[in-house]
Amino acid sequence: MLASMITSLLTKIMYLNTTKEIWTRLNIYFSSHTIAQIKKLCILLKNPKKDRTVTTYLLDIKKMVNSLAAIGALVCTEEHIEVILDGLSDDYDPFVTSILSRTDPYTVKEIEVLFLTQKELFNKHRMVNHLPI
């Protein structure tokens, strides 16, 4: 894979004469790849898969946020929290309402802990409701 990447880069700069031309071409090449990666990650972030465990759901969002940060596209705390809340099912509407009605902003870590706690409460209530009387 590395060899093919180097070959690809060499073909892009092979007939350039000055270092300025080389750096300009490389900048364009890597910028276009970075922009494409940012767009891809933003699309994935806006549409997180919901058919996973809570822990996996939160971890996948965190990975995408970290990947965006690594290529220079920072996601603010409010956006990160919005992505977490937007991906929740209707079961979580009261939870989301309580989060959004708070005047002091939450941190991402606080939201994650509250979400995990809420999920445990759902599981507890489901188990209680399924027990024979």
N, C-alpha and C. Protein backbone atom coordinates (compact mmCIF):
# COMPACT_ATOMS: atom_id res chain seq x y z
N MET A 1 0.82 -1.19 0.00
CA MET A 1 0.00 0.00 0.00
C MET A 1 0.87 1.26 0.00
N LEU A 2 1.91 1.27 0.81
CA LEU A 2 2.79 2.43 0.87
C LEU A 2 3.49 2.64 -0.47
N ALA A 3 3.91 1.55 -1.09
CA ALA A 3 4.59 1.65 -2.38
C ALA A 3 3.67 2.26 -3.44
N SER A 4 2.40 1.85 -3.43
CA SER A 4 1.46 2.39 -4.43
C SER A 4 1.18 3.87 -4.15
N MET A 5 1.16 4.26 -2.87
CA MET A 5 0.95 5.67 -2.54
C MET A 5 2.14 6.51 -3.01
N ILE A 6 3.34 6.00 -2.79
CA ILE A 6 4.55 6.72 -3.22
C ILE A 6 4.58 6.83 -4.74
N THR A 7 4.23 5.74 -5.42
CA THR A 7 4.18 5.76 -6.89
C THR A 7 3.17 6.79 -7.37
N SER A 8 2.01 6.82 -6.73
CA SER A 8 0.98 7.79 -7.09
C SER A 8 1.47 9.22 -6.92
N LEU A 9 2.15 9.48 -5.81
CA LEU A 9 2.69 10.82 -5.56
C LEU A 9 3.77 11.19 -6.59
N LEU A 10 4.62 10.23 -6.88
CA LEU A 10 5.69 10.50 -7.85
C LEU A 10 5.13 10.83 -9.23
N THR A 11 4.06 10.14 -9.62
CA THR A 11 3.48 10.45 -10.94
C THR A 11 2.88 11.84 -10.96
N LYS A 12 2.47 12.36 -9.83
CA LYS A 12 1.87 13.69 -9.78
C LYS A 12 2.92 14.80 -9.84
N ILE A 13 4.15 14.49 -9.44
CA ILE A 13 5.18 15.54 -9.40
C ILE A 13 6.34 15.29 -10.37
N MET A 14 6.27 14.22 -11.12
CA MET A 14 7.38 13.78 -11.94
C MET A 14 7.91 14.87 -12.90
N TYR A 15 7.06 15.57 -13.56
CA TYR A 15 7.51 16.53 -14.58
C TYR A 15 7.51 17.98 -14.11
N LEU A 16 7.44 18.18 -12.81
CA LEU A 16 7.49 19.54 -12.28
C LEU A 16 8.94 19.97 -12.14
N ASN A 17 9.18 21.25 -12.30
CA ASN A 17 10.56 21.73 -12.35
C ASN A 17 11.07 22.37 -11.06
N THR A 18 10.20 22.99 -10.31
CA THR A 18 10.66 23.71 -9.12
C THR A 18 10.03 23.10 -7.86
N THR A 19 10.69 23.39 -6.76
CA THR A 19 10.13 22.90 -5.49
C THR A 19 8.79 23.56 -5.20
N LYS A 20 8.65 24.81 -5.63
CA LYS A 20 7.37 25.49 -5.43
C LYS A 20 6.25 24.75 -6.16
N GLU A 21 6.50 24.35 -7.40
CA GLU A 21 5.50 23.60 -8.15
C GLU A 21 5.18 22.27 -7.47
N ILE A 22 6.21 21.61 -6.97
CA ILE A 22 6.02 20.32 -6.28
C ILE A 22 5.16 20.51 -5.03
N TRP A 23 5.52 21.49 -4.19
CA TRP A 23 4.77 21.72 -2.96
C TRP A 23 3.33 22.14 -3.25
N THR A 24 3.15 22.95 -4.28
CA THR A 24 1.80 23.37 -4.65
C THR A 24 0.97 22.17 -5.06
N ARG A 25 1.53 21.30 -5.90
CA ARG A 25 0.81 20.12 -6.36
C ARG A 25 0.50 19.17 -5.19
N LEU A 26 1.47 18.96 -4.30
CA LEU A 26 1.24 18.10 -3.14
C LEU A 26 0.19 18.68 -2.21
N ASN A 27 0.22 20.00 -2.04
CA ASN A 27 -0.78 20.66 -1.20
C ASN A 27 -2.18 20.45 -1.76
N ILE A 28 -2.33 20.62 -3.05
CA ILE A 28 -3.64 20.41 -3.70
C ILE A 28 -4.06 18.96 -3.54
N TYR A 29 -3.15 18.04 -3.78
CA TYR A 29 -3.45 16.61 -3.68
C TYR A 29 -3.92 16.24 -2.28
N PHE A 30 -3.15 16.62 -1.26
CA PHE A 30 -3.52 16.24 0.10
C PHE A 30 -4.72 17.03 0.62
N SER A 31 -4.86 18.27 0.20
CA SER A 31 -6.03 19.06 0.61
C SER A 31 -7.32 18.43 0.10
N SER A 32 -7.32 17.98 -1.15
CA SER A 32 -8.53 17.38 -1.70
C SER A 32 -8.87 16.09 -0.97
N HIS A 33 -7.85 15.31 -0.61
CA HIS A 33 -8.11 14.09 0.16
C HIS A 33 -8.62 14.41 1.56
N THR A 34 -8.08 15.44 2.16
CA THR A 34 -8.51 15.84 3.50
C THR A 34 -9.95 16.33 3.47
N ILE A 35 -10.29 17.14 2.48
CA ILE A 35 -11.65 17.66 2.36
C ILE A 35 -12.63 16.50 2.16
N ALA A 36 -12.26 15.55 1.32
CA ALA A 36 -13.12 14.39 1.09
C ALA A 36 -13.30 13.58 2.37
N GLN A 37 -12.23 13.41 3.12
CA GLN A 37 -12.31 12.66 4.39
C GLN A 37 -13.18 13.41 5.40
N ILE A 38 -13.05 14.73 5.46
CA ILE A 38 -13.88 15.52 6.37
C ILE A 38 -15.35 15.36 6.01
N LYS A 39 -15.67 15.45 4.74
CA LYS A 39 -17.07 15.31 4.31
C LYS A 39 -17.61 13.93 4.65
N LYS A 40 -16.81 12.91 4.40
CA LYS A 40 -17.23 11.54 4.71
C LYS A 40 -17.50 11.38 6.21
N LEU A 41 -16.59 11.85 7.04
CA LEU A 41 -16.76 11.73 8.48
C LEU A 41 -17.94 12.55 8.99
N CYS A 42 -18.16 13.72 8.41
CA CYS A 42 -19.31 14.55 8.82
C CYS A 42 -20.63 13.87 8.48
N ILE A 43 -20.69 13.23 7.32
CA ILE A 43 -21.90 12.49 6.95
C ILE A 43 -22.13 11.33 7.93
N LEU A 44 -21.07 10.60 8.22
CA LEU A 44 -21.19 9.49 9.19
C LEU A 44 -21.59 10.00 10.57
N LEU A 45 -21.05 11.14 10.94
CA LEU A 45 -21.35 11.70 12.25
C LEU A 45 -22.80 12.16 12.35
N LYS A 46 -23.34 12.70 11.27
CA LYS A 46 -24.73 13.17 11.28
C LYS A 46 -25.72 12.02 11.23
N ASN A 47 -25.28 10.84 10.82
CA ASN A 47 -26.16 9.68 10.70
C ASN A 47 -25.55 8.46 11.39
N PRO A 48 -25.38 8.54 12.71
CA PRO A 48 -24.77 7.40 13.40
C PRO A 48 -25.68 6.18 13.36
N LYS A 49 -25.08 5.01 13.24
CA LYS A 49 -25.85 3.77 13.24
C LYS A 49 -26.42 3.54 14.63
N LYS A 50 -27.69 3.22 14.68
CA LYS A 50 -28.37 3.09 15.96
C LYS A 50 -28.51 1.65 16.43
N ASP A 51 -28.13 0.70 15.61
CA ASP A 51 -28.35 -0.70 15.94
C ASP A 51 -27.15 -1.32 16.66
N ARG A 52 -26.58 -0.58 17.61
CA ARG A 52 -25.41 -1.05 18.35
C ARG A 52 -25.66 -0.89 19.84
N THR A 53 -24.75 -1.43 20.62
CA THR A 53 -24.85 -1.21 22.05
C THR A 53 -24.56 0.26 22.35
N VAL A 54 -24.99 0.70 23.51
CA VAL A 54 -24.78 2.09 23.92
C VAL A 54 -23.30 2.42 23.92
N THR A 55 -22.51 1.54 24.47
CA THR A 55 -21.07 1.78 24.56
C THR A 55 -20.44 1.89 23.17
N THR A 56 -20.82 1.00 22.27
CA THR A 56 -20.29 1.04 20.90
C THR A 56 -20.75 2.29 20.19
N TYR A 57 -22.01 2.67 20.38
CA TYR A 57 -22.57 3.88 19.78
C TYR A 57 -21.75 5.10 20.20
N LEU A 58 -21.52 5.25 21.49
CA LEU A 58 -20.76 6.39 22.00
C LEU A 58 -19.30 6.35 21.54
N LEU A 59 -18.72 5.16 21.53
CA LEU A 59 -17.33 5.02 21.11
C LEU A 59 -17.16 5.36 19.63
N ASP A 60 -18.10 4.92 18.79
CA ASP A 60 -18.02 5.23 17.37
C ASP A 60 -18.12 6.73 17.11
N ILE A 61 -19.01 7.39 17.83
CA ILE A 61 -19.12 8.85 17.69
C ILE A 61 -17.82 9.52 18.13
N LYS A 62 -17.27 9.06 19.24
CA LYS A 62 -16.01 9.64 19.74
C LYS A 62 -14.88 9.42 18.74
N LYS A 63 -14.82 8.25 18.11
CA LYS A 63 -13.78 7.98 17.11
C LYS A 63 -13.91 8.95 15.94
N MET A 64 -15.13 9.18 15.48
CA MET A 64 -15.32 10.10 14.35
C MET A 64 -14.93 11.52 14.74
N VAL A 65 -15.31 11.95 15.93
CA VAL A 65 -14.95 13.29 16.41
C VAL A 65 -13.43 13.41 16.51
N ASN A 66 -12.76 12.38 17.02
CA ASN A 66 -11.31 12.40 17.14
C ASN A 66 -10.64 12.38 15.77
N SER A 67 -11.20 11.62 14.83
CA SER A 67 -10.64 11.59 13.47
C SER A 67 -10.76 12.95 12.81
N LEU A 68 -11.89 13.60 13.00
CA LEU A 68 -12.07 14.95 12.45
C LEU A 68 -11.06 15.91 13.07
N ALA A 69 -10.87 15.82 14.37
CA ALA A 69 -9.91 16.70 15.05
C ALA A 69 -8.49 16.46 14.53
N ALA A 70 -8.17 15.20 14.25
CA ALA A 70 -6.82 14.87 13.77
C ALA A 70 -6.52 15.48 12.41
N ILE A 71 -7.56 15.73 11.61
CA ILE A 71 -7.31 16.34 10.29
C ILE A 71 -7.71 17.82 10.27
N GLY A 72 -7.88 18.38 11.47
CA GLY A 72 -8.06 19.82 11.57
C GLY A 72 -9.49 20.32 11.54
N ALA A 73 -10.47 19.44 11.64
CA ALA A 73 -11.88 19.84 11.63
C ALA A 73 -12.47 19.56 13.01
N LEU A 74 -12.28 20.52 13.91
CA LEU A 74 -12.72 20.32 15.28
C LEU A 74 -14.24 20.34 15.39
N VAL A 75 -14.75 19.46 16.23
CA VAL A 75 -16.18 19.40 16.54
C VAL A 75 -16.33 19.96 17.95
N CYS A 76 -17.13 21.01 18.09
CA CYS A 76 -17.29 21.62 19.42
C CYS A 76 -18.14 20.70 20.30
N THR A 77 -18.09 20.94 21.59
CA THR A 77 -18.81 20.13 22.57
C THR A 77 -20.30 20.11 22.26
N GLU A 78 -20.87 21.25 21.91
CA GLU A 78 -22.31 21.32 21.64
C GLU A 78 -22.69 20.42 20.46
N GLU A 79 -21.87 20.44 19.40
CA GLU A 79 -22.13 19.60 18.24
C GLU A 79 -22.00 18.12 18.59
N HIS A 80 -20.98 17.80 19.37
CA HIS A 80 -20.75 16.42 19.79
C HIS A 80 -21.96 15.90 20.58
N ILE A 81 -22.44 16.70 21.50
CA ILE A 81 -23.62 16.32 22.30
C ILE A 81 -24.85 16.22 21.40
N GLU A 82 -25.00 17.14 20.48
CA GLU A 82 -26.14 17.12 19.55
C GLU A 82 -26.16 15.82 18.74
N VAL A 83 -25.00 15.38 18.29
CA VAL A 83 -24.92 14.14 17.53
C VAL A 83 -25.36 12.96 18.40
N ILE A 84 -24.90 12.92 19.63
CA ILE A 84 -25.29 11.84 20.55
C ILE A 84 -26.80 11.83 20.72
N LEU A 85 -27.38 12.99 21.00
CA LEU A 85 -28.82 13.07 21.28
C LEU A 85 -29.66 12.82 20.03
N ASP A 86 -29.21 13.29 18.88
CA ASP A 86 -29.96 13.12 17.64
C ASP A 86 -30.08 11.65 17.24
N GLY A 87 -29.14 10.84 17.64
CA GLY A 87 -29.15 9.44 17.26
C GLY A 87 -29.97 8.54 18.17
N LEU A 88 -30.60 9.13 19.19
CA LEU A 88 -31.36 8.32 20.14
C LEU A 88 -32.77 8.05 19.64
N SER A 89 -33.30 6.92 20.04
CA SER A 89 -34.67 6.56 19.65
C SER A 89 -35.68 7.41 20.42
N ASP A 90 -36.94 7.29 20.03
CA ASP A 90 -38.03 8.04 20.69
C ASP A 90 -38.14 7.71 22.17
N ASP A 91 -37.70 6.53 22.57
CA ASP A 91 -37.74 6.16 23.99
C ASP A 91 -37.00 7.17 24.86
N TYR A 92 -36.04 7.84 24.27
CA TYR A 92 -35.19 8.77 25.02
C TYR A 92 -35.68 10.22 24.97
N ASP A 93 -36.83 10.48 24.38
CA ASP A 93 -37.32 11.86 24.27
C ASP A 93 -37.38 12.60 25.61
N PRO A 94 -37.92 11.99 26.69
CA PRO A 94 -37.91 12.71 27.97
C PRO A 94 -36.48 13.00 28.47
N PHE A 95 -35.59 12.05 28.23
CA PHE A 95 -34.19 12.22 28.60
C PHE A 95 -33.58 13.39 27.83
N VAL A 96 -33.82 13.43 26.51
CA VAL A 96 -33.28 14.49 25.66
C VAL A 96 -33.86 15.84 26.09
N THR A 97 -35.16 15.87 26.37
CA THR A 97 -35.80 17.12 26.80
C THR A 97 -35.16 17.64 28.08
N SER A 98 -34.90 16.75 29.02
CA SER A 98 -34.29 17.19 30.29
C SER A 98 -32.87 17.71 30.06
N ILE A 99 -32.15 17.10 29.13
CA ILE A 99 -30.79 17.55 28.81
C ILE A 99 -30.84 18.94 28.19
N LEU A 100 -31.76 19.11 27.23
CA LEU A 100 -31.84 20.37 26.50
C LEU A 100 -32.41 21.52 27.34
N SER A 101 -33.15 21.19 28.38
CA SER A 101 -33.77 22.25 29.19
C SER A 101 -32.83 22.80 30.27
N ARG A 102 -31.72 22.17 30.46
CA ARG A 102 -30.76 22.65 31.46
C ARG A 102 -30.08 23.92 30.97
N THR A 103 -29.96 24.91 31.85
CA THR A 103 -29.33 26.17 31.45
C THR A 103 -27.81 26.09 31.44
N ASP A 104 -27.22 25.32 32.36
CA ASP A 104 -25.77 25.13 32.37
C ASP A 104 -25.41 24.02 31.38
N PRO A 105 -24.48 24.26 30.49
CA PRO A 105 -24.16 23.24 29.49
C PRO A 105 -23.48 22.01 30.13
N TYR A 106 -23.80 20.87 29.57
CA TYR A 106 -23.16 19.62 29.98
C TYR A 106 -21.85 19.44 29.22
N THR A 107 -21.00 18.60 29.77
CA THR A 107 -19.82 18.15 29.04
C THR A 107 -20.20 16.86 28.31
N VAL A 108 -19.40 16.48 27.35
CA VAL A 108 -19.65 15.23 26.62
C VAL A 108 -19.61 14.06 27.60
N LYS A 109 -18.66 14.06 28.51
CA LYS A 109 -18.53 12.97 29.49
C LYS A 109 -19.79 12.87 30.35
N GLU A 110 -20.32 14.00 30.79
CA GLU A 110 -21.55 13.98 31.59
C GLU A 110 -22.72 13.39 30.79
N ILE A 111 -22.83 13.77 29.53
CA ILE A 111 -23.89 13.24 28.67
C ILE A 111 -23.74 11.73 28.51
N GLU A 112 -22.51 11.29 28.30
CA GLU A 112 -22.27 9.85 28.14
C GLU A 112 -22.68 9.08 29.40
N VAL A 113 -22.30 9.61 30.56
CA VAL A 113 -22.65 8.95 31.83
C VAL A 113 -24.17 8.94 32.03
N LEU A 114 -24.82 10.07 31.77
CA LEU A 114 -26.27 10.14 31.90
C LEU A 114 -26.97 9.19 30.93
N PHE A 115 -26.47 9.10 29.73
CA PHE A 115 -27.05 8.22 28.71
C PHE A 115 -26.91 6.76 29.14
N LEU A 116 -25.72 6.39 29.61
CA LEU A 116 -25.51 5.02 30.08
C LEU A 116 -26.40 4.69 31.27
N THR A 117 -26.57 5.65 32.16
CA THR A 117 -27.45 5.47 33.32
C THR A 117 -28.89 5.30 32.86
N GLN A 118 -29.32 6.12 31.92
CA GLN A 118 -30.68 6.02 31.39
C GLN A 118 -30.91 4.67 30.74
N LYS A 119 -29.94 4.19 30.01
CA LYS A 119 -30.06 2.88 29.36
C LYS A 119 -30.20 1.78 30.40
N GLU A 120 -29.44 1.87 31.47
CA GLU A 120 -29.55 0.88 32.55
C GLU A 120 -30.93 0.92 33.20
N LEU A 121 -31.49 2.12 33.36
CA LEU A 121 -32.85 2.24 33.90
C LEU A 121 -33.87 1.59 32.97
N PHE A 122 -33.71 1.80 31.67
CA PHE A 122 -34.59 1.15 30.70
C PHE A 122 -34.50 -0.36 30.83
N ASN A 123 -33.29 -0.87 30.92
CA ASN A 123 -33.09 -2.32 31.04
C ASN A 123 -33.72 -2.85 32.33
N LYS A 124 -33.55 -2.11 33.40
CA LYS A 124 -34.12 -2.52 34.70
C LYS A 124 -35.64 -2.58 34.60
N HIS A 125 -36.27 -1.57 34.02
CA HIS A 125 -37.72 -1.53 33.91
C HIS A 125 -38.24 -2.62 32.97
N ARG A 126 -37.51 -2.91 31.93
CA ARG A 126 -37.91 -3.98 31.01
C ARG A 126 -37.87 -5.33 31.71
N MET A 127 -36.83 -5.54 32.53
CA MET A 127 -36.72 -6.81 33.26
C MET A 127 -37.83 -6.93 34.29
N VAL A 128 -38.13 -5.87 34.99
CA VAL A 128 -39.20 -5.89 36.01
C VAL A 128 -40.55 -6.15 35.35
N ASN A 129 -40.81 -5.51 34.22
CA ASN A 129 -42.09 -5.67 33.55
C ASN A 129 -42.26 -7.05 32.92
N HIS A 130 -41.20 -7.80 32.72
CA HIS A 130 -41.29 -9.13 32.11
C HIS A 130 -41.33 -10.25 33.14
N LEU A 131 -41.22 -9.91 34.41
CA LEU A 131 -41.26 -10.94 35.45
C LEU A 131 -42.69 -11.39 35.69
N PRO A 132 -42.88 -12.70 35.88
CA PRO A 132 -44.24 -13.18 36.19
C PRO A 132 -44.67 -12.73 37.58
N ILE A 133 -45.97 -12.49 37.71
CA ILE A 133 -46.48 -12.00 39.01
C ILE A 133 -46.89 -13.16 39.88
